[in-house]
Amino acid sequence: MASFGAWIRYALGTYLAQYDEPLFQRRTIKEVLFDGYHSPMVEELQELTGELYFEDAMVGFLVGVS
């Protein structure tokens, strides 16, 4: 994080403190690849921007791919 700008470090630190989210998370391979997992950060980002990046704020590499 040392290479990030001061604003990015501040925003990330504030988010992690506000949502009590750890910087690193333990997820199963199935969650990361196929099933997805709920991300409060993505949900908040979608609400702030009005864009739907991920359905139901479920994050995963192959979520929704047939």
Protein backbone atom coordinates (compact mmCIF):
# COMPACT_ATOMS: atom_id res chain seq x y z
CA MET A 1 0.00 0.00 0.00
CA ALA A 2 3.00 2.27 0.27
CA SER A 3 2.86 2.95 -3.48
CA PHE A 4 -0.79 4.10 -3.31
CA GLY A 5 -1.56 7.78 -2.93
CA ALA A 6 -2.45 9.19 0.46
CA TRP A 7 -6.13 9.56 -0.49
CA ILE A 8 -6.41 5.88 -1.50
CA ARG A 9 -4.73 4.74 1.74
CA TYR A 10 -7.07 6.94 3.76
CA ALA A 11 -10.19 5.70 1.93
CA LEU A 12 -9.19 2.05 2.27
CA GLY A 13 -8.35 2.46 5.95
CA THR A 14 -11.65 4.24 6.61
CA TYR A 15 -13.62 1.54 4.81
CA LEU A 16 -11.91 -1.30 6.66
CA ALA A 17 -12.52 0.41 10.00
CA GLN A 18 -16.15 1.31 9.21
CA TYR A 19 -17.22 -2.17 8.13
CA ASP A 20 -14.86 -4.08 10.39
CA GLU A 21 -13.60 -5.92 7.29
CA PRO A 22 -10.21 -7.62 7.37
CA LEU A 23 -7.74 -6.77 4.62
CA PHE A 24 -7.40 -10.48 3.80
CA GLN A 25 -10.31 -12.90 3.83
CA ARG A 26 -10.50 -16.67 3.93
CA ARG A 27 -12.75 -17.98 1.16
CA THR A 28 -13.13 -21.41 -0.38
CA ILE A 29 -12.09 -21.99 -3.98
CA LYS A 30 -15.73 -22.71 -4.78
CA GLU A 31 -16.78 -19.30 -3.40
CA VAL A 32 -14.03 -17.39 -5.20
CA LEU A 33 -14.57 -19.12 -8.54
CA PHE A 34 -18.15 -20.32 -8.88
CA ASP A 35 -20.61 -19.48 -6.10
CA GLY A 36 -19.35 -16.03 -5.24
CA TYR A 37 -19.54 -14.31 -1.88
CA HIS A 38 -21.33 -11.21 -0.65
CA SER A 39 -19.18 -8.10 -0.44
CA PRO A 40 -20.40 -5.14 1.61
CA MET A 41 -17.84 -2.95 -0.18
CA VAL A 42 -19.26 -3.81 -3.61
CA GLU A 43 -22.79 -3.27 -2.34
CA GLU A 44 -21.86 0.19 -1.06
CA LEU A 45 -20.04 1.05 -4.30
CA GLN A 46 -23.09 0.05 -6.33
CA GLU A 47 -25.34 2.21 -4.15
CA LEU A 48 -23.02 5.21 -4.40
CA THR A 49 -22.57 5.03 -8.18
CA GLY A 50 -25.99 3.69 -9.15
CA GLU A 51 -24.28 1.06 -11.33
CA LEU A 52 -24.88 -2.68 -11.04
CA TYR A 53 -21.39 -4.18 -11.23
CA PHE A 54 -22.27 -7.53 -9.63
CA GLU A 55 -25.73 -9.07 -9.21
CA ASP A 56 -26.71 -9.06 -5.50
CA ALA A 57 -23.17 -7.82 -4.68
CA MET A 58 -21.94 -11.39 -5.18
CA VAL A 59 -18.26 -11.38 -6.16
CA GLY A 60 -16.60 -14.32 -7.90
CA PHE A 61 -14.62 -14.96 -11.06
CA LEU A 62 -17.22 -17.15 -12.78
CA VAL A 63 -20.44 -16.09 -11.04
CA GLY A 64 -23.28 -16.04 -13.54
CA VAL A 65 -21.26 -17.65 -16.35
CA SER A 66 -23.03 -20.58 -17.94
